[in-house]
Amino acid sequence: MTIHQISVFLENRAGQLAEITQILAEEGIDMRAISIAEAADYGVVRLIVDKPQKASACLEERGMVLKKTPVTVVAVSDQPGGLAPVLGLIAQAGMDIAYMYSLFTHTGGKAYMVFRVSDNEKFAALLAQAGIQPVTSQELEIAD
């Protein structure tokens, strides 16, 4: 199961991130995760929010350039080495990880990792073979 991440493309200038978080706050949208990547002239803010459709619409209304991307969220054991089995599956399959980051939430001894991989279907099959269920949008209280 994939969840939709919102990637917002921004100029590298002061106040951009504050503007995004203020817009989301005003609209009552709760962030589940945020990741920031930068290049010399621009940055990419990756967000997972509880209301992705509403967030996309309100950010676009304010002139933000964005893209929605399917990502996979996996719960891993919240202890040393908890992430290693999932990364081992990906390595054994020869898949590339474009990027990964964590969600703010952790419950019941589990931490949540967001994966953007080269082949989502293959990743889902690998997880299923290993008996690992991707986290659903319902579990994260994300509206579809």
N, C-alpha and C. Protein backbone atom coordinates (compact mmCIF):
# COMPACT_ATOMS: atom_id res chain seq x y z
N MET A 1 0.84 -1.18 0.00
CA MET A 1 0.00 0.00 0.00
C MET A 1 0.88 1.24 0.00
N THR A 2 0.58 2.15 -0.87
CA THR A 2 1.36 3.39 -0.90
C THR A 2 0.56 4.52 -0.28
N ILE A 3 1.30 5.50 0.16
CA ILE A 3 0.74 6.72 0.74
C ILE A 3 1.28 7.86 -0.12
N HIS A 4 0.51 8.91 -0.29
CA HIS A 4 0.96 10.00 -1.13
C HIS A 4 1.70 11.06 -0.32
N GLN A 5 2.91 11.30 -0.75
CA GLN A 5 3.76 12.34 -0.20
C GLN A 5 3.61 13.57 -1.09
N ILE A 6 3.71 14.72 -0.50
CA ILE A 6 3.68 15.98 -1.26
C ILE A 6 5.09 16.54 -1.26
N SER A 7 5.64 16.76 -2.45
CA SER A 7 6.96 17.38 -2.59
C SER A 7 6.75 18.80 -3.07
N VAL A 8 7.21 19.78 -2.30
CA VAL A 8 7.06 21.19 -2.64
C VAL A 8 8.44 21.71 -3.04
N PHE A 9 8.50 22.33 -4.22
CA PHE A 9 9.76 22.86 -4.74
C PHE A 9 9.84 24.35 -4.40
N LEU A 10 10.95 24.75 -3.78
CA LEU A 10 11.10 26.11 -3.27
C LEU A 10 12.42 26.73 -3.66
N GLU A 11 12.41 28.05 -3.80
CA GLU A 11 13.66 28.79 -3.94
C GLU A 11 14.40 28.70 -2.62
N ASN A 12 15.72 28.73 -2.66
CA ASN A 12 16.51 28.79 -1.44
C ASN A 12 16.54 30.23 -0.94
N ARG A 13 15.52 30.57 -0.17
CA ARG A 13 15.50 31.90 0.46
C ARG A 13 14.80 31.80 1.80
N ALA A 14 15.16 32.69 2.68
CA ALA A 14 14.64 32.67 4.04
C ALA A 14 13.12 32.78 4.06
N GLY A 15 12.49 32.02 4.95
CA GLY A 15 11.06 32.13 5.18
C GLY A 15 10.19 31.16 4.41
N GLN A 16 10.75 30.44 3.45
CA GLN A 16 9.94 29.53 2.64
C GLN A 16 9.30 28.42 3.48
N LEU A 17 10.07 27.78 4.31
CA LEU A 17 9.55 26.69 5.13
C LEU A 17 8.53 27.21 6.14
N ALA A 18 8.80 28.37 6.71
CA ALA A 18 7.86 28.96 7.65
C ALA A 18 6.52 29.24 6.97
N GLU A 19 6.57 29.68 5.71
CA GLU A 19 5.34 29.96 4.97
C GLU A 19 4.52 28.68 4.77
N ILE A 20 5.18 27.61 4.39
CA ILE A 20 4.46 26.34 4.18
C ILE A 20 3.81 25.87 5.48
N THR A 21 4.57 25.86 6.56
CA THR A 21 4.02 25.36 7.82
C THR A 21 2.90 26.27 8.33
N GLN A 22 2.98 27.56 8.06
CA GLN A 22 1.91 28.48 8.46
C GLN A 22 0.64 28.20 7.66
N ILE A 23 0.77 27.98 6.36
CA ILE A 23 -0.39 27.66 5.52
C ILE A 23 -1.07 26.40 6.03
N LEU A 24 -0.29 25.37 6.30
CA LEU A 24 -0.86 24.12 6.79
C LEU A 24 -1.55 24.32 8.14
N ALA A 25 -0.93 25.09 9.01
CA ALA A 25 -1.52 25.36 10.32
C ALA A 25 -2.86 26.09 10.18
N GLU A 26 -2.90 27.12 9.32
CA GLU A 26 -4.13 27.87 9.12
C GLU A 26 -5.26 27.00 8.58
N GLU A 27 -4.90 25.99 7.80
CA GLU A 27 -5.89 25.09 7.20
C GLU A 27 -6.22 23.89 8.08
N GLY A 28 -5.60 23.80 9.26
CA GLY A 28 -5.87 22.69 10.17
C GLY A 28 -5.32 21.36 9.67
N ILE A 29 -4.20 21.41 8.97
CA ILE A 29 -3.59 20.21 8.41
C ILE A 29 -2.40 19.81 9.29
N ASP A 30 -2.40 18.56 9.71
CA ASP A 30 -1.36 18.07 10.61
C ASP A 30 -0.29 17.32 9.83
N MET A 31 0.96 17.68 10.06
CA MET A 31 2.07 16.98 9.41
C MET A 31 2.37 15.68 10.16
N ARG A 32 2.58 14.63 9.38
CA ARG A 32 3.00 13.34 9.93
C ARG A 32 4.51 13.17 9.77
N ALA A 33 5.07 13.82 8.72
CA ALA A 33 6.51 13.74 8.47
C ALA A 33 6.92 14.92 7.60
N ILE A 34 8.18 15.31 7.73
CA ILE A 34 8.75 16.35 6.88
C ILE A 34 10.21 16.01 6.64
N SER A 35 10.65 16.22 5.41
CA SER A 35 12.04 16.00 5.04
C SER A 35 12.43 17.14 4.11
N ILE A 36 13.63 17.64 4.27
CA ILE A 36 14.09 18.76 3.45
C ILE A 36 15.39 18.37 2.75
N ALA A 37 15.41 18.59 1.45
CA ALA A 37 16.62 18.36 0.66
C ALA A 37 16.91 19.67 -0.07
N GLU A 38 18.17 19.98 -0.25
CA GLU A 38 18.49 21.23 -0.92
C GLU A 38 19.56 21.05 -1.98
N ALA A 39 19.49 21.92 -2.95
CA ALA A 39 20.53 22.06 -3.97
C ALA A 39 20.97 23.53 -3.88
N ALA A 40 21.81 23.95 -4.76
CA ALA A 40 22.34 25.31 -4.67
C ALA A 40 21.26 26.38 -4.76
N ASP A 41 20.31 26.22 -5.67
CA ASP A 41 19.33 27.27 -5.92
C ASP A 41 17.91 26.96 -5.46
N TYR A 42 17.65 25.74 -5.08
CA TYR A 42 16.29 25.37 -4.70
C TYR A 42 16.31 24.29 -3.63
N GLY A 43 15.16 24.06 -3.05
CA GLY A 43 15.01 23.00 -2.06
C GLY A 43 13.75 22.22 -2.36
N VAL A 44 13.68 21.02 -1.81
CA VAL A 44 12.49 20.19 -1.92
C VAL A 44 12.07 19.83 -0.50
N VAL A 45 10.83 20.19 -0.18
CA VAL A 45 10.26 19.83 1.11
C VAL A 45 9.30 18.68 0.86
N ARG A 46 9.56 17.55 1.49
CA ARG A 46 8.68 16.39 1.34
C ARG A 46 7.83 16.29 2.59
N LEU A 47 6.52 16.18 2.37
CA LEU A 47 5.57 16.16 3.47
C LEU A 47 4.64 14.96 3.39
N ILE A 48 4.33 14.42 4.54
CA ILE A 48 3.20 13.50 4.66
C ILE A 48 2.28 14.17 5.67
N VAL A 49 1.04 14.37 5.25
CA VAL A 49 0.07 15.11 6.07
C VAL A 49 -1.21 14.29 6.21
N ASP A 50 -2.04 14.71 7.18
CA ASP A 50 -3.28 13.97 7.41
C ASP A 50 -4.36 14.24 6.36
N LYS A 51 -4.24 15.34 5.63
CA LYS A 51 -5.23 15.68 4.60
C LYS A 51 -4.49 16.08 3.32
N PRO A 52 -3.96 15.08 2.58
CA PRO A 52 -3.12 15.40 1.43
C PRO A 52 -3.83 16.16 0.31
N GLN A 53 -5.09 15.87 0.04
CA GLN A 53 -5.80 16.58 -1.03
C GLN A 53 -5.96 18.06 -0.67
N LYS A 54 -6.40 18.30 0.55
CA LYS A 54 -6.58 19.68 1.01
C LYS A 54 -5.25 20.43 1.04
N ALA A 55 -4.20 19.77 1.51
CA ALA A 55 -2.89 20.41 1.58
C ALA A 55 -2.40 20.77 0.18
N SER A 56 -2.53 19.85 -0.76
CA SER A 56 -2.09 20.12 -2.13
C SER A 56 -2.84 21.32 -2.71
N ALA A 57 -4.14 21.32 -2.53
CA ALA A 57 -4.96 22.39 -3.08
C ALA A 57 -4.60 23.75 -2.48
N CYS A 58 -4.46 23.83 -1.16
CA CYS A 58 -4.20 25.13 -0.56
C CYS A 58 -2.78 25.62 -0.86
N LEU A 59 -1.82 24.71 -0.99
CA LEU A 59 -0.46 25.13 -1.34
C LEU A 59 -0.40 25.61 -2.80
N GLU A 60 -1.09 24.88 -3.68
CA GLU A 60 -1.12 25.31 -5.09
C GLU A 60 -1.83 26.64 -5.26
N GLU A 61 -2.90 26.87 -4.49
CA GLU A 61 -3.62 28.15 -4.54
C GLU A 61 -2.71 29.32 -4.20
N ARG A 62 -1.71 29.05 -3.38
CA ARG A 62 -0.78 30.10 -2.96
C ARG A 62 0.48 30.13 -3.82
N GLY A 63 0.41 29.47 -4.97
CA GLY A 63 1.50 29.55 -5.94
C GLY A 63 2.65 28.59 -5.74
N MET A 64 2.50 27.64 -4.85
CA MET A 64 3.57 26.66 -4.62
C MET A 64 3.57 25.64 -5.76
N VAL A 65 4.75 25.24 -6.16
CA VAL A 65 4.90 24.19 -7.17
C VAL A 65 5.11 22.88 -6.42
N LEU A 66 4.28 21.89 -6.72
CA LEU A 66 4.38 20.64 -5.99
C LEU A 66 4.09 19.43 -6.86
N LYS A 67 4.41 18.29 -6.29
CA LYS A 67 4.17 17.01 -6.97
C LYS A 67 3.76 16.01 -5.89
N LYS A 68 2.78 15.16 -6.21
CA LYS A 68 2.41 14.08 -5.30
C LYS A 68 3.10 12.80 -5.76
N THR A 69 3.71 12.11 -4.82
CA THR A 69 4.51 10.93 -5.13
C THR A 69 4.08 9.78 -4.23
N PRO A 70 3.90 8.58 -4.80
CA PRO A 70 3.60 7.43 -3.93
C PRO A 70 4.86 6.96 -3.20
N VAL A 71 4.71 6.74 -1.91
CA VAL A 71 5.79 6.22 -1.08
C VAL A 71 5.23 5.08 -0.25
N THR A 72 6.11 4.28 0.32
CA THR A 72 5.70 3.16 1.16
C THR A 72 6.18 3.43 2.57
N VAL A 73 5.29 3.23 3.54
CA VAL A 73 5.65 3.41 4.94
C VAL A 73 5.70 2.02 5.59
N VAL A 74 6.77 1.75 6.29
CA VAL A 74 6.97 0.46 6.93
C VAL A 74 7.23 0.68 8.42
N ALA A 75 6.56 -0.10 9.26
CA ALA A 75 6.83 -0.08 10.70
C ALA A 75 7.99 -1.02 10.97
N VAL A 76 8.97 -0.53 11.69
CA VAL A 76 10.13 -1.34 12.06
C VAL A 76 10.26 -1.32 13.58
N SER A 77 10.94 -2.30 14.10
CA SER A 77 11.15 -2.37 15.54
C SER A 77 11.95 -1.15 15.99
N ASP A 78 11.45 -0.48 17.03
CA ASP A 78 12.11 0.72 17.55
C ASP A 78 13.18 0.31 18.56
N GLN A 79 14.25 -0.28 18.01
CA GLN A 79 15.38 -0.72 18.83
C GLN A 79 16.61 -0.76 17.92
N PRO A 80 17.80 -0.85 18.49
CA PRO A 80 18.99 -0.92 17.65
C PRO A 80 18.88 -2.07 16.63
N GLY A 81 19.12 -1.76 15.37
CA GLY A 81 19.06 -2.77 14.32
C GLY A 81 17.68 -3.02 13.76
N GLY A 82 16.67 -2.30 14.23
CA GLY A 82 15.29 -2.53 13.79
C GLY A 82 15.06 -2.28 12.31
N LEU A 83 15.83 -1.39 11.73
CA LEU A 83 15.68 -1.05 10.31
C LEU A 83 16.44 -2.02 9.40
N ALA A 84 17.43 -2.70 9.93
CA ALA A 84 18.32 -3.55 9.14
C ALA A 84 17.60 -4.62 8.32
N PRO A 85 16.59 -5.33 8.84
CA PRO A 85 15.95 -6.37 8.02
C PRO A 85 15.29 -5.82 6.75
N VAL A 86 14.65 -4.68 6.83
CA VAL A 86 14.00 -4.09 5.65
C VAL A 86 15.06 -3.63 4.65
N LEU A 87 16.11 -3.00 5.13
CA LEU A 87 17.19 -2.58 4.24
C LEU A 87 17.89 -3.79 3.61
N GLY A 88 17.99 -4.87 4.36
CA GLY A 88 18.57 -6.10 3.83
C GLY A 88 17.75 -6.67 2.68
N LEU A 89 16.42 -6.64 2.82
CA LEU A 89 15.54 -7.10 1.73
C LEU A 89 15.77 -6.28 0.46
N ILE A 90 15.84 -4.98 0.63
CA ILE A 90 16.03 -4.09 -0.51
C ILE A 90 17.39 -4.36 -1.17
N ALA A 91 18.42 -4.52 -0.35
CA ALA A 91 19.76 -4.78 -0.88
C ALA A 91 19.81 -6.11 -1.63
N GLN A 92 19.23 -7.17 -1.04
CA GLN A 92 19.24 -8.49 -1.67
C GLN A 92 18.50 -8.46 -3.01
N ALA A 93 17.49 -7.64 -3.15
CA ALA A 93 16.72 -7.55 -4.39
C ALA A 93 17.41 -6.64 -5.41
N GLY A 94 18.48 -5.98 -4.99
CA GLY A 94 19.19 -5.08 -5.90
C GLY A 94 18.41 -3.83 -6.24
N MET A 95 17.51 -3.43 -5.35
CA MET A 95 16.70 -2.23 -5.58
C MET A 95 17.44 -0.99 -5.08
N ASP A 96 17.12 0.13 -5.69
CA ASP A 96 17.68 1.40 -5.26
C ASP A 96 16.71 2.11 -4.34
N ILE A 97 17.24 2.77 -3.32
CA ILE A 97 16.45 3.65 -2.47
C ILE A 97 16.74 5.06 -2.94
N ALA A 98 15.71 5.74 -3.44
CA ALA A 98 15.89 7.13 -3.87
C ALA A 98 16.10 8.01 -2.63
N TYR A 99 15.30 7.76 -1.60
CA TYR A 99 15.45 8.44 -0.33
C TYR A 99 14.56 7.76 0.70
N MET A 100 14.82 8.05 1.96
CA MET A 100 13.97 7.57 3.05
C MET A 100 14.08 8.55 4.21
N TYR A 101 13.05 8.56 5.02
CA TYR A 101 13.04 9.40 6.21
C TYR A 101 12.01 8.83 7.18
N SER A 102 11.96 9.34 8.39
CA SER A 102 11.05 8.78 9.39
C SER A 102 9.86 9.68 9.63
N LEU A 103 8.80 9.06 10.13
CA LEU A 103 7.62 9.81 10.56
C LEU A 103 7.83 10.27 11.99
N PHE A 104 7.05 11.26 12.40
CA PHE A 104 7.13 11.74 13.77
C PHE A 104 6.64 10.69 14.76
N THR A 105 5.72 9.87 14.34
CA THR A 105 5.02 8.93 15.21
C THR A 105 5.82 7.66 15.46
N HIS A 106 5.72 7.16 16.67
CA HIS A 106 6.15 5.80 16.95
C HIS A 106 5.25 5.29 18.07
N THR A 107 4.74 4.07 17.90
CA THR A 107 3.83 3.50 18.89
C THR A 107 4.10 2.01 19.04
N GLY A 108 3.77 1.50 20.19
CA GLY A 108 3.86 0.07 20.43
C GLY A 108 5.22 -0.53 20.10
N GLY A 109 6.29 0.20 20.37
CA GLY A 109 7.63 -0.31 20.10
C GLY A 109 8.00 -0.32 18.63
N LYS A 110 7.24 0.41 17.81
CA LYS A 110 7.51 0.47 16.38
C LYS A 110 7.80 1.91 15.97
N ALA A 111 8.77 2.06 15.07
CA ALA A 111 9.05 3.35 14.44
C ALA A 111 8.58 3.22 12.99
N TYR A 112 8.30 4.32 12.34
CA TYR A 112 7.77 4.30 10.98
C TYR A 112 8.75 4.97 10.03
N MET A 113 9.08 4.25 8.95
CA MET A 113 10.03 4.75 7.95
C MET A 113 9.32 4.90 6.61
N VAL A 114 9.61 6.00 5.92
CA VAL A 114 9.06 6.27 4.60
C VAL A 114 10.12 5.90 3.58
N PHE A 115 9.74 5.12 2.58
CA PHE A 115 10.68 4.68 1.54
C PHE A 115 10.18 5.12 0.17
N ARG A 116 11.08 5.70 -0.60
CA ARG A 116 10.85 5.93 -2.03
C ARG A 116 11.88 5.05 -2.72
N VAL A 117 11.39 4.00 -3.38
CA VAL A 117 12.27 3.02 -4.01
C VAL A 117 12.07 3.02 -5.53
N SER A 118 12.95 2.33 -6.22
CA SER A 118 12.90 2.31 -7.68
C SER A 118 11.71 1.54 -8.22
N ASP A 119 11.15 0.61 -7.45
CA ASP A 119 10.03 -0.20 -7.93
C ASP A 119 9.09 -0.51 -6.76
N ASN A 120 8.00 0.27 -6.64
CA ASN A 120 7.07 0.10 -5.52
C ASN A 120 6.42 -1.28 -5.50
N GLU A 121 6.05 -1.80 -6.67
CA GLU A 121 5.39 -3.12 -6.73
C GLU A 121 6.33 -4.23 -6.27
N LYS A 122 7.57 -4.17 -6.71
CA LYS A 122 8.56 -5.16 -6.30
C LYS A 122 8.81 -5.07 -4.80
N PHE A 123 8.87 -3.84 -4.29
CA PHE A 123 9.07 -3.63 -2.86
C PHE A 123 7.91 -4.22 -2.07
N ALA A 124 6.69 -3.99 -2.52
CA ALA A 124 5.51 -4.54 -1.85
C ALA A 124 5.56 -6.07 -1.83
N ALA A 125 5.97 -6.67 -2.95
CA ALA A 125 6.09 -8.13 -3.02
C ALA A 125 7.16 -8.64 -2.06
N LEU A 126 8.30 -7.95 -1.99
CA LEU A 126 9.37 -8.34 -1.06
C LEU A 126 8.89 -8.29 0.38
N LEU A 127 8.20 -7.22 0.72
CA LEU A 127 7.69 -7.09 2.08
C LEU A 127 6.71 -8.21 2.39
N ALA A 128 5.81 -8.50 1.45
CA ALA A 128 4.83 -9.56 1.66
C ALA A 128 5.51 -10.91 1.86
N GLN A 129 6.53 -11.21 1.05
CA GLN A 129 7.27 -12.47 1.19
C GLN A 129 7.92 -12.59 2.56
N ALA A 130 8.33 -11.46 3.11
CA ALA A 130 8.98 -11.45 4.42
C ALA A 130 7.97 -11.35 5.56
N GLY A 131 6.68 -11.30 5.22
CA GLY A 131 5.65 -11.19 6.24
C GLY A 131 5.52 -9.81 6.84
N ILE A 132 5.96 -8.79 6.11
CA ILE A 132 5.91 -7.40 6.59
C ILE A 132 4.80 -6.68 5.85
N GLN A 133 3.87 -6.12 6.59
CA GLN A 133 2.77 -5.37 6.00
C GLN A 133 3.10 -3.89 5.99
N PRO A 134 3.00 -3.22 4.83
CA PRO A 134 3.17 -1.76 4.82
C PRO A 134 2.10 -1.11 5.69
N VAL A 135 2.41 0.01 6.23
CA VAL A 135 1.47 0.76 7.06
C VAL A 135 0.43 1.40 6.14
N THR A 136 -0.81 1.37 6.54
CA THR A 136 -1.89 1.93 5.73
C THR A 136 -2.14 3.39 6.09
N SER A 137 -2.80 4.07 5.19
CA SER A 137 -3.16 5.47 5.46
C SER A 137 -4.11 5.55 6.65
N GLN A 138 -4.96 4.54 6.82
CA GLN A 138 -5.88 4.52 7.96
C GLN A 138 -5.12 4.45 9.28
N GLU A 139 -4.07 3.63 9.32
CA GLU A 139 -3.27 3.51 10.54
C GLU A 139 -2.62 4.84 10.92
N LEU A 140 -2.27 5.63 9.91
CA LEU A 140 -1.63 6.92 10.15
C LEU A 140 -2.64 8.06 10.21
N GLU A 141 -3.93 7.70 10.13
CA GLU A 141 -5.02 8.67 10.16
C GLU A 141 -4.85 9.71 9.07
N ILE A 142 -4.62 9.20 7.84
CA ILE A 142 -4.49 10.05 6.67
C ILE A 142 -5.72 9.86 5.80
N ALA A 143 -6.39 10.96 5.46
CA ALA A 143 -7.56 10.90 4.60
C ALA A 143 -7.10 10.63 3.18
N ASP A 144 -7.82 9.77 2.48
CA ASP A 144 -7.46 9.48 1.08
C ASP A 144 -7.99 10.53 0.15
